[in-house]
Amino acid sequence: MGSKTTFKFIALVVVTYAIGLLIYDLWVLPKTSFDEALIHLLVSCSEPILQGLGYVLLPHQSDWHHTIHIQGSNGVWISSSCDGFALIWVFSAVLFYLPGGWKRKGVYLVLGSLVIEVFNVLRIISLAIIEHHFPQSLAFNHDYTFTVLVYSVVVALWYLWLRKFQFVGKS
């Protein structure tokens, strides 16, 4: 990739990402239940795993349905900024401009989004356990450890696309 091509690629990704986030902030978040459904799905996937690991969870209060409370802890709150949507959007924005066929990209986008959200569930479970056992380290792990890890997953998915899948089936 030449410097002009690289600049164009980066500019297109940034503009696409910004437009997507504007649509999300101005329309999806305030006018749809998409975000609520995604957070509910994350909580619904995380809680049985925590219970399977032997943690006792407190029941949800009506105004705290985004929180996972392990008995004896303050719990963790899953906000719209932590539901993985922005991460999936940046993954999609880059994938959209990478080489490869559209059908294959569509399949990879769905599978990559699932990988991102499965990792997000593991992140939520880990943060709930950290909050229970080491509450003083929750902020650090949330802000740094898991930020590096989730973006590493996205970079690994892009790398995998570029190295393995963009030309699959082509001679």
Protein backbone atom coordinates (compact mmCIF):
# COMPACT_ATOMS: atom_id res chain seq x y z
CA MET A 1 0.00 0.00 0.00
CA GLY A 2 1.38 3.40 -0.97
CA SER A 3 1.13 6.39 1.35
CA LYS A 4 -1.81 7.88 -0.63
CA THR A 5 -3.67 4.58 -0.53
CA THR A 6 -2.93 4.17 3.17
CA PHE A 7 -4.14 7.70 3.92
CA LYS A 8 -7.32 7.14 1.89
CA PHE A 9 -7.97 3.84 3.69
CA ILE A 10 -7.51 5.43 7.12
CA ALA A 11 -9.65 8.45 6.18
CA LEU A 12 -12.47 6.22 4.90
CA VAL A 13 -12.37 4.07 8.04
CA VAL A 14 -12.39 7.13 10.34
CA VAL A 15 -15.28 8.79 8.46
CA THR A 16 -17.29 5.54 8.37
CA TYR A 17 -16.66 4.98 12.08
CA ALA A 18 -17.63 8.57 12.95
CA ILE A 19 -20.83 8.42 10.90
CA GLY A 20 -21.75 5.11 12.51
CA LEU A 21 -21.21 6.47 16.01
CA LEU A 22 -23.23 9.60 15.22
CA ILE A 23 -26.12 7.45 14.00
CA TYR A 24 -25.76 5.32 17.12
CA ASP A 25 -25.65 8.28 19.53
CA LEU A 26 -28.38 10.32 17.83
CA TRP A 27 -30.79 7.62 16.74
CA VAL A 28 -30.08 4.04 17.85
CA LEU A 29 -29.36 4.77 21.52
CA PRO A 30 -32.21 7.22 22.23
CA LYS A 31 -34.88 5.86 19.87
CA THR A 32 -34.51 2.06 19.82
CA SER A 33 -34.20 -0.77 22.30
CA PHE A 34 -31.19 -2.28 20.50
CA ASP A 35 -28.75 -1.28 23.21
CA GLU A 36 -31.02 -2.55 25.99
CA ALA A 37 -31.39 -5.88 24.21
CA LEU A 38 -27.63 -6.22 23.71
CA ILE A 39 -26.89 -5.45 27.37
CA HIS A 40 -29.64 -7.85 28.47
CA LEU A 41 -28.08 -10.55 26.29
CA LEU A 42 -24.64 -9.94 27.83
CA VAL A 43 -26.05 -10.11 31.37
CA SER A 44 -28.10 -13.22 30.50
CA CYS A 45 -25.01 -14.98 29.15
CA SER A 46 -22.69 -13.92 31.97
CA GLU A 47 -24.84 -14.76 35.00
CA PRO A 48 -25.28 -18.51 34.43
CA ILE A 49 -21.55 -18.90 33.92
CA LEU A 50 -20.83 -17.09 37.18
CA GLN A 51 -23.41 -19.27 38.94
CA GLY A 52 -21.80 -22.34 37.37
CA LEU A 53 -18.50 -21.20 38.85
CA GLY A 54 -20.16 -21.22 42.29
CA TYR A 55 -20.91 -17.52 42.79
CA VAL A 56 -24.19 -16.52 44.42
CA LEU A 57 -25.82 -13.67 42.51
CA LEU A 58 -28.23 -11.19 43.98
CA PRO A 59 -31.55 -10.72 42.19
CA HIS A 60 -31.96 -7.74 39.88
CA GLN A 61 -33.69 -4.65 41.14
CA SER A 62 -35.94 -3.04 38.55
CA ASP A 63 -33.60 -0.09 38.08
CA TRP A 64 -30.41 -2.17 38.23
CA HIS A 65 -31.03 -4.71 35.46
CA HIS A 66 -27.66 -3.82 33.85
CA THR A 67 -25.78 -4.85 36.97
CA ILE A 68 -24.38 -8.23 37.90
CA HIS A 69 -24.10 -8.51 41.67
CA ILE A 70 -22.09 -11.31 43.20
CA GLN A 71 -23.18 -11.61 46.82
CA GLY A 72 -20.73 -9.64 48.96
CA SER A 73 -19.67 -7.22 46.21
CA ASN A 74 -20.86 -3.95 44.73
CA GLY A 75 -21.44 -5.60 41.37
CA VAL A 76 -20.51 -4.51 37.88
CA TRP A 77 -22.61 -2.22 35.71
CA ILE A 78 -22.76 -2.88 31.97
CA SER A 79 -23.26 0.44 30.21
CA SER A 80 -23.89 1.19 26.56
CA SER A 81 -20.21 2.04 26.16
CA CYS A 82 -19.28 -1.46 27.38
CA ASP A 83 -21.71 -3.56 25.35
CA GLY A 84 -19.28 -4.14 22.48
CA PHE A 85 -21.25 -2.27 19.83
CA ALA A 86 -18.59 0.41 19.20
CA LEU A 87 -15.94 -2.31 19.01
CA ILE A 88 -17.99 -4.25 16.48
CA TRP A 89 -18.54 -1.04 14.53
CA VAL A 90 -14.80 -0.29 14.30
CA PHE A 91 -14.19 -3.93 13.33
CA SER A 92 -16.84 -3.57 10.62
CA ALA A 93 -15.59 -0.19 9.38
CA VAL A 94 -12.10 -1.56 8.78
CA LEU A 95 -13.34 -4.86 7.33
CA PHE A 96 -15.58 -2.96 4.91
CA TYR A 97 -12.55 -1.35 3.23
CA LEU A 98 -10.23 -4.36 3.31
CA PRO A 99 -9.89 -6.46 0.15
CA GLY A 100 -12.11 -9.49 -0.30
CA GLY A 101 -15.54 -10.56 -1.52
CA TRP A 102 -18.70 -9.15 0.03
CA LYS A 103 -20.33 -12.52 0.80
CA ARG A 104 -17.22 -13.69 2.58
CA LYS A 105 -16.96 -10.36 4.43
CA GLY A 106 -20.59 -10.69 5.54
CA VAL A 107 -19.99 -14.14 6.99
CA TYR A 108 -16.73 -13.00 8.60
CA LEU A 109 -18.46 -9.93 10.04
CA VAL A 110 -21.10 -12.10 11.74
CA LEU A 111 -18.52 -14.60 13.02
CA GLY A 112 -16.14 -11.83 14.11
CA SER A 113 -18.96 -10.03 15.93
CA LEU A 114 -19.79 -13.25 17.77
CA VAL A 115 -16.13 -13.67 18.75
CA ILE A 116 -16.06 -10.07 20.03
CA GLU A 117 -19.22 -10.54 22.09
CA VAL A 118 -18.11 -13.92 23.48
CA PHE A 119 -14.92 -12.20 24.58
CA ASN A 120 -17.05 -9.38 26.01
CA VAL A 121 -19.00 -11.92 28.09
CA LEU A 122 -15.70 -13.32 29.38
CA ARG A 123 -14.58 -9.76 30.17
CA ILE A 124 -17.79 -9.07 32.13
CA ILE A 125 -17.44 -12.34 34.06
CA SER A 126 -13.80 -11.54 34.84
CA LEU A 127 -14.63 -8.01 35.98
CA ALA A 128 -17.43 -9.31 38.23
CA ILE A 129 -14.99 -11.77 39.82
CA ILE A 130 -12.35 -9.06 40.18
CA GLU A 131 -14.92 -6.76 41.81
CA HIS A 132 -15.80 -9.55 44.25
CA HIS A 133 -12.25 -10.53 45.23
CA PHE A 134 -10.11 -7.46 44.45
CA PRO A 135 -12.42 -4.42 44.20
CA GLN A 136 -9.49 -2.02 44.44
CA SER A 137 -8.16 -3.29 41.10
CA LEU A 138 -11.45 -3.15 39.17
CA ALA A 139 -10.88 0.30 37.63
CA PHE A 140 -7.36 -0.56 36.44
CA ASN A 141 -8.45 -3.86 34.90
CA HIS A 142 -11.52 -2.29 33.29
CA ASP A 143 -9.67 0.72 31.89
CA TYR A 144 -6.39 -0.90 30.86
CA THR A 145 -6.13 -4.69 30.98
CA PHE A 146 -9.38 -5.46 29.22
CA THR A 147 -9.16 -2.52 26.83
CA VAL A 148 -5.84 -3.88 25.56
CA LEU A 149 -7.25 -7.41 25.42
CA VAL A 150 -10.47 -6.59 23.53
CA TYR A 151 -8.68 -4.42 20.98
CA SER A 152 -6.11 -7.20 20.59
CA VAL A 153 -8.95 -9.55 19.67
CA VAL A 154 -10.14 -7.10 17.01
CA VAL A 155 -6.63 -6.64 15.60
CA ALA A 156 -6.21 -10.44 15.56
CA LEU A 157 -9.48 -10.76 13.63
CA TRP A 158 -8.28 -8.22 11.03
CA TYR A 159 -4.94 -10.00 10.80
CA LEU A 160 -6.68 -13.35 10.36
CA TRP A 161 -8.82 -11.86 7.59
CA LEU A 162 -5.79 -10.47 5.77
CA ARG A 163 -3.70 -13.61 6.12
CA LYS A 164 -6.27 -16.39 5.78
CA PHE A 165 -9.69 -15.40 4.49
CA GLN A 166 -9.63 -12.51 2.05
CA PHE A 167 -8.60 -14.76 -0.87
CA VAL A 168 -10.10 -18.10 0.21
CA GLY A 169 -11.60 -19.86 -2.80
CA LYS A 170 -9.69 -17.76 -5.36
CA SER A 171 -7.06 -19.27 -7.61
